[in-house]
Amino acid sequence: MNIAYLISAHTDAPQLHRLISALHPDAELFIHIDKKADIAPFKALIKTPNAHFIDNRIDVRWGTMIEVEYQIALIEAAVSFPRHFDRIFFLSGMDYPLWSNDKITQWLKSMGDKEILQGINMNTPYINAQQRELYRRSRPLFRIFNNVWNQRLSILCRRMLSALGYRKRLSFTVAGKTWNLYKGAAWWCISEELATFLLQTYRQHKEIYKYFRDSFGQAETLIQTIAFNSPLWAQRCMLVEGVYPGLDALTPLHYIVYDPVIKVMTEEDLPAMMKSGKMFARKFRSGESLQDRSNETSDKVVEKINQLRK
């Protein structure tokens, strides 16, 4: 089975190195390093010929349309590579596998043509008012000045539009057809055929960018919205129906403790991680990346995971 891993990273080169060392040795790895970060430490540690640092580096601003730009850049790198991929994973540099590579391969084979992309329709009466409000508020993106002033302008405009009562719809029109907004997780595993479809559709229909450019959480909605509004691909993806179940339930591959912030995994989290049945966990931090070793690191729990993965 031919596998590609798309990996986004912005910090902790030692953690990214141990993630890559744990993945399939015959996979191709396409890596995006945030343009704000120094890429030298990453390249100094990661020298395997199957690890490809993409040249199109994006100055990432979390929670904006810019996150989608590096998603698209990584997808493009994979689908244009001279090798066909049966499966393409999207990961963070702070992830780590809980399963052995053999177990991952066998599970992927058992899934047939099922796409490991989960989503829920946000334009239904089952979605509570709080969730609807998050996605109906306009969040304009500015790229006029430096990031600090651009962010201040964005916040100011968001508050003004909200005070004026402006709200985005949870549906929009693409090529004369009504599309609903879908939400999932930014971590998924899809076929190269779906990846190509996502890329082509995004580029072909400017209405998609127009809708999402001032939306919320585009890294968790744009990919899902394209896939689930396609009659062909929607039936192969993983639709969640009913009330909004929470982001952890929309994350099929990863064990993540989201609240109140994403927790750094330590030894105390090992039982819950392994009991979860998830393929990966997030987030892990290496001791080498910290000047103050009193902060929590994941070094010991990674050692224990490696023993269990054998």
Protein backbone atom coordinates (compact mmCIF):
# COMPACT_ATOMS: atom_id res chain seq x y z
CA MET A 1 0.00 0.00 0.00
CA ASN A 2 1.35 3.40 -1.02
CA ILE A 3 0.92 5.98 1.75
CA ALA A 4 1.66 9.69 1.90
CA TYR A 5 1.75 11.77 5.06
CA LEU A 6 1.07 15.51 4.86
CA ILE A 7 2.52 17.13 7.96
CA SER A 8 2.25 20.71 9.19
CA ALA A 9 4.75 21.92 11.79
CA HIS A 10 5.89 25.19 13.28
CA THR A 11 7.98 24.20 16.30
CA ASP A 12 9.85 21.37 18.05
CA ALA A 13 12.05 19.81 15.37
CA PRO A 14 13.01 16.85 17.62
CA GLN A 15 9.33 15.94 18.03
CA LEU A 16 8.76 16.08 14.27
CA HIS A 17 11.84 13.91 13.76
CA ARG A 18 10.60 11.19 16.11
CA LEU A 19 7.13 11.30 14.51
CA ILE A 20 8.63 10.76 11.08
CA SER A 21 10.88 7.99 12.41
CA ALA A 22 7.79 6.16 13.71
CA LEU A 23 5.79 6.31 10.46
CA HIS A 24 5.91 3.84 7.56
CA PRO A 25 9.52 3.83 6.31
CA ASP A 26 8.37 3.40 2.70
CA ALA A 27 5.86 6.28 2.82
CA GLU A 28 6.43 9.68 1.24
CA LEU A 29 6.33 12.61 3.67
CA PHE A 30 5.39 16.13 2.59
CA ILE A 31 6.19 18.70 5.25
CA HIS A 32 5.10 22.32 5.61
CA ILE A 33 7.07 24.46 8.06
CA ASP A 34 5.40 27.73 9.03
CA LYS A 35 7.17 30.59 7.26
CA LYS A 36 7.68 32.35 10.61
CA ALA A 37 9.74 29.42 11.92
CA ASP A 38 13.43 28.77 11.30
CA ILE A 39 13.51 25.76 8.99
CA ALA A 40 17.20 25.02 9.63
CA PRO A 41 16.71 22.87 12.79
CA PHE A 42 14.13 20.76 10.94
CA LYS A 43 16.36 20.17 7.93
CA ALA A 44 19.34 19.43 10.18
CA LEU A 45 17.47 16.54 11.84
CA ILE A 46 15.35 15.22 8.99
CA LYS A 47 17.46 14.04 6.08
CA THR A 48 15.67 10.91 4.82
CA PRO A 49 15.11 10.96 1.04
CA ASN A 50 11.36 10.32 1.43
CA ALA A 51 10.87 13.51 3.51
CA HIS A 52 10.05 16.48 1.28
CA PHE A 53 9.96 20.02 2.68
CA ILE A 54 7.62 21.93 0.39
CA ASP A 55 8.90 25.22 -0.99
CA ASN A 56 5.55 27.00 -0.75
CA ARG A 57 5.80 28.03 2.89
CA ILE A 58 2.83 29.94 4.33
CA ASP A 59 2.96 32.54 7.11
CA VAL A 60 0.22 30.80 9.08
CA ARG A 61 -2.38 32.67 11.08
CA TRP A 62 -4.37 30.15 13.08
CA GLY A 63 -8.14 30.20 12.67
CA THR A 64 -8.06 31.98 9.33
CA MET A 65 -8.27 31.12 5.65
CA ILE A 66 -4.46 31.02 5.61
CA GLU A 67 -4.62 27.60 7.29
CA VAL A 68 -6.41 26.29 4.21
CA GLU A 69 -3.59 27.63 2.04
CA TYR A 70 -1.03 25.27 3.56
CA GLN A 71 -3.54 22.40 3.45
CA ILE A 72 -3.94 23.01 -0.28
CA ALA A 73 -0.17 23.39 -0.78
CA LEU A 74 0.44 20.00 0.87
CA ILE A 75 -2.34 18.28 -1.08
CA GLU A 76 -0.92 19.68 -4.30
CA ALA A 77 2.55 18.39 -3.42
CA ALA A 78 1.19 14.89 -2.92
CA VAL A 79 -1.05 14.62 -5.99
CA SER A 80 1.66 16.04 -8.26
CA PHE A 81 4.29 13.60 -6.98
CA PRO A 82 5.27 10.87 -9.50
CA ARG A 83 3.81 8.07 -7.40
CA HIS A 84 0.18 7.11 -6.86
CA PHE A 85 -0.98 7.03 -3.25
CA ASP A 86 -3.68 4.71 -1.97
CA ARG A 87 -4.01 6.81 1.17
CA ILE A 88 -3.03 10.35 2.13
CA PHE A 89 -2.92 11.31 5.82
CA PHE A 90 -3.00 14.85 7.16
CA LEU A 91 -1.11 15.17 10.45
CA SER A 92 0.40 17.74 12.77
CA GLY A 93 4.07 17.66 13.68
CA MET A 94 2.95 17.26 17.29
CA ASP A 95 1.15 13.94 16.62
CA TYR A 96 2.41 10.45 17.37
CA PRO A 97 1.11 7.02 16.26
CA LEU A 98 -0.42 4.69 18.85
CA TRP A 99 -0.68 1.80 16.39
CA SER A 100 2.10 -0.15 14.72
CA ASN A 101 2.62 0.49 11.01
CA ASP A 102 1.47 -3.05 10.21
CA LYS A 103 -1.77 -2.50 12.12
CA ILE A 104 -2.35 0.79 10.29
CA THR A 105 -1.80 -0.88 6.92
CA GLN A 106 -4.14 -3.78 7.66
CA TRP A 107 -6.86 -1.45 8.94
CA LEU A 108 -6.62 0.74 5.84
CA LYS A 109 -6.98 -2.33 3.62
CA SER A 110 -10.08 -3.37 5.56
CA MET A 111 -11.71 0.02 4.91
CA GLY A 112 -11.96 -0.55 1.16
CA ASP A 113 -13.00 2.66 -0.59
CA LYS A 114 -14.21 4.33 2.63
CA GLU A 115 -12.77 7.82 3.13
CA ILE A 116 -11.63 8.58 6.68
CA LEU A 117 -13.11 12.07 6.58
CA GLN A 118 -15.81 12.79 9.12
CA GLY A 119 -18.28 15.65 9.02
CA ILE A 120 -21.58 17.00 10.32
CA ASN A 121 -24.03 19.27 8.51
CA MET A 122 -24.03 22.59 10.37
CA ASN A 123 -27.17 23.83 8.60
CA THR A 124 -29.75 21.73 10.44
CA PRO A 125 -32.10 22.40 13.41
CA TYR A 126 -30.09 19.87 15.44
CA ILE A 127 -27.11 22.23 15.73
CA ASN A 128 -27.39 24.30 18.90
CA ALA A 129 -27.49 28.09 18.89
CA GLN A 130 -23.96 28.45 20.30
CA GLN A 131 -22.40 26.40 17.50
CA ARG A 132 -24.46 28.13 14.82
CA GLU A 133 -23.41 31.53 16.13
CA LEU A 134 -19.71 30.61 15.91
CA TYR A 135 -20.02 29.87 12.21
CA ARG A 136 -22.40 32.70 11.34
CA ARG A 137 -20.13 35.49 12.57
CA SER A 138 -18.03 37.08 9.86
CA ARG A 139 -14.29 37.19 10.51
CA PRO A 140 -12.67 39.33 7.78
CA LEU A 141 -9.06 38.56 6.96
CA PHE A 142 -6.62 41.43 6.35
CA ARG A 143 -3.15 41.22 4.80
CA ILE A 144 -2.37 44.93 4.55
CA PHE A 145 0.09 45.48 7.39
CA ASN A 146 2.05 43.17 9.69
CA ASN A 147 0.29 40.29 11.43
CA VAL A 148 -0.34 42.23 14.65
CA TRP A 149 -2.15 45.07 12.91
CA ASN A 150 -3.91 42.76 10.49
CA GLN A 151 -5.27 40.79 13.45
CA ARG A 152 -6.40 43.96 15.20
CA LEU A 153 -8.23 45.09 12.08
CA SER A 154 -9.87 41.70 11.75
CA ILE A 155 -11.10 41.78 15.36
CA LEU A 156 -12.38 45.34 14.98
CA CYS A 157 -14.32 44.52 11.80
CA ARG A 158 -15.69 41.33 13.33
CA ARG A 159 -17.06 43.24 16.31
CA MET A 160 -18.52 45.97 14.11
CA LEU A 161 -20.27 43.51 11.81
CA SER A 162 -21.59 41.59 14.79
CA ALA A 163 -22.92 44.76 16.43
CA LEU A 164 -24.65 45.68 13.18
CA GLY A 165 -26.39 42.30 13.19
CA TYR A 166 -24.66 40.84 10.13
CA ARG A 167 -24.55 37.06 10.09
CA LYS A 168 -23.29 34.60 7.49
CA ARG A 169 -25.60 31.94 6.16
CA LEU A 170 -24.73 28.31 6.81
CA SER A 171 -25.23 27.54 3.14
CA PHE A 172 -24.04 29.12 -0.10
CA THR A 173 -24.32 28.62 -3.85
CA VAL A 174 -21.73 26.89 -6.02
CA ALA A 175 -22.34 26.56 -9.76
CA GLY A 176 -26.05 27.22 -9.22
CA LYS A 177 -26.43 24.56 -6.51
CA THR A 178 -26.95 25.08 -2.78
CA TRP A 179 -24.13 23.80 -0.61
CA ASN A 180 -24.44 23.33 3.15
CA LEU A 181 -21.58 23.96 5.57
CA TYR A 182 -20.00 20.83 7.05
CA LYS A 183 -17.58 20.59 9.97
CA GLY A 184 -15.09 17.91 11.01
CA ALA A 185 -11.48 17.72 12.17
CA ALA A 186 -8.33 18.92 10.43
CA TRP A 187 -6.83 15.42 10.70
CA TRP A 188 -8.00 12.85 8.14
CA CYS A 189 -6.99 10.07 5.73
CA ILE A 190 -8.29 10.07 2.16
CA SER A 191 -7.60 8.55 -1.24
CA GLU A 192 -5.55 10.36 -3.86
CA GLU A 193 -8.68 10.45 -6.03
CA LEU A 194 -10.59 12.43 -3.39
CA ALA A 195 -7.56 14.66 -2.78
CA THR A 196 -7.43 15.47 -6.51
CA PHE A 197 -11.16 16.19 -6.55
CA LEU A 198 -10.84 18.54 -3.56
CA LEU A 199 -7.98 20.43 -5.19
CA GLN A 200 -9.69 20.75 -8.58
CA THR A 201 -13.04 21.79 -7.10
CA TYR A 202 -11.48 24.43 -4.87
CA ARG A 203 -9.61 25.95 -7.80
CA GLN A 204 -12.50 25.73 -10.23
CA HIS A 205 -15.16 27.42 -8.12
CA LYS A 206 -14.27 30.87 -6.81
CA GLU A 207 -17.50 30.88 -4.79
CA ILE A 208 -15.83 28.53 -2.31
CA TYR A 209 -13.04 30.96 -1.46
CA LYS A 210 -15.50 33.86 -1.39
CA TYR A 211 -17.62 32.12 1.24
CA PHE A 212 -14.80 30.83 3.43
CA ARG A 213 -12.48 33.84 3.36
CA ASP A 214 -14.26 35.42 6.36
CA SER A 215 -15.49 32.22 8.03
CA PHE A 216 -14.55 30.49 11.26
CA GLY A 217 -12.34 27.39 11.54
CA GLN A 218 -11.82 26.90 7.81
CA ALA A 219 -9.21 24.15 8.37
CA GLU A 220 -12.04 22.08 9.88
CA THR A 221 -14.79 22.99 7.41
CA LEU A 222 -13.64 23.72 3.87
CA ILE A 223 -12.37 20.23 2.98
CA GLN A 224 -15.44 18.63 4.55
CA THR A 225 -17.83 21.03 2.79
CA ILE A 226 -16.44 20.20 -0.65
CA ALA A 227 -16.52 16.45 -0.02
CA PHE A 228 -19.97 16.21 1.57
CA ASN A 229 -21.63 18.36 -1.08
CA SER A 230 -20.51 15.89 -3.74
CA PRO A 231 -23.06 13.05 -4.21
CA LEU A 232 -20.23 10.69 -5.17
CA TRP A 233 -17.82 11.42 -2.35
CA ALA A 234 -20.40 12.06 0.37
CA GLN A 235 -21.43 8.40 0.33
CA ARG A 236 -17.82 7.33 0.90
CA CYS A 237 -17.15 9.76 3.76
CA MET A 238 -18.24 9.45 7.40
CA LEU A 239 -21.39 11.48 8.02
CA VAL A 240 -22.33 12.29 11.61
CA GLU A 241 -26.05 13.00 12.05
CA GLY A 242 -28.13 14.53 14.82
CA VAL A 243 -26.97 16.95 17.50
CA TYR A 244 -23.45 18.37 17.49
CA PRO A 245 -21.37 15.73 19.36
CA GLY A 246 -18.27 17.82 20.12
CA LEU A 247 -15.00 18.05 18.23
CA ASP A 248 -13.49 14.96 19.87
CA ALA A 249 -16.29 12.84 18.40
CA LEU A 250 -15.61 14.37 14.97
CA THR A 251 -11.95 13.32 15.12
CA PRO A 252 -11.90 9.68 13.97
CA LEU A 253 -8.14 9.10 13.90
CA HIS A 254 -6.81 11.09 16.86
CA TYR A 255 -7.04 11.01 20.62
CA ILE A 256 -6.96 14.66 21.74
CA VAL A 257 -7.86 16.28 25.04
CA TYR A 258 -9.33 19.56 23.80
CA ASP A 259 -10.55 21.30 26.97
CA PRO A 260 -9.67 23.81 28.23
CA VAL A 261 -6.73 23.81 25.79
CA ILE A 262 -5.11 20.94 23.90
CA LYS A 263 -3.22 19.00 26.55
CA VAL A 264 0.41 17.86 26.26
CA MET A 265 0.45 14.06 26.56
CA THR A 266 2.38 12.60 29.51
CA GLU A 267 2.62 9.20 31.22
CA GLU A 268 -0.65 9.79 33.08
CA ASP A 269 -2.48 9.92 29.76
CA LEU A 270 -1.20 6.57 28.49
CA PRO A 271 -4.12 4.39 29.70
CA ALA A 272 -6.73 6.71 28.17
CA MET A 273 -4.81 6.96 24.91
CA MET A 274 -4.50 3.23 24.47
CA LYS A 275 -8.09 2.59 25.58
CA SER A 276 -9.39 5.12 23.04
CA GLY A 277 -8.67 2.82 20.11
CA LYS A 278 -7.48 5.82 18.09
CA MET A 279 -4.62 5.50 15.61
CA PHE A 280 -2.80 8.69 16.67
CA ALA A 281 -2.71 11.06 19.62
CA ARG A 282 -1.91 14.76 19.97
CA LYS A 283 -0.06 16.67 21.29
CA PHE A 284 3.48 15.59 22.14
CA ARG A 285 6.38 17.79 23.15
CA SER A 286 10.05 16.85 23.29
CA GLY A 287 12.29 17.75 26.20
CA GLU A 288 14.99 18.80 23.72
CA SER A 289 12.78 21.66 22.55
CA LEU A 290 12.49 23.22 26.00
CA GLN A 291 15.00 25.36 27.82
CA ASP A 292 13.00 25.00 31.02
CA ARG A 293 12.83 21.23 31.68
CA SER A 294 10.30 21.84 34.47
CA ASN A 295 7.59 22.13 31.80
CA GLU A 296 5.68 19.01 30.82
CA THR A 297 7.27 16.87 28.12
CA SER A 298 6.20 13.68 26.38
CA ASP A 299 9.52 11.86 26.22
CA LYS A 300 8.71 9.12 28.73
CA VAL A 301 5.25 8.42 27.38
CA VAL A 302 6.62 8.14 23.84
CA GLU A 303 9.06 5.48 25.06
CA LYS A 304 6.17 3.51 26.54
CA ILE A 305 4.06 3.89 23.42
CA ASN A 306 6.95 2.53 21.35
CA GLN A 307 7.06 -0.57 23.54
CA LEU A 308 3.32 -1.13 23.09
CA ARG A 309 3.47 -0.56 19.31
CA LYS A 310 5.92 -3.44 18.78
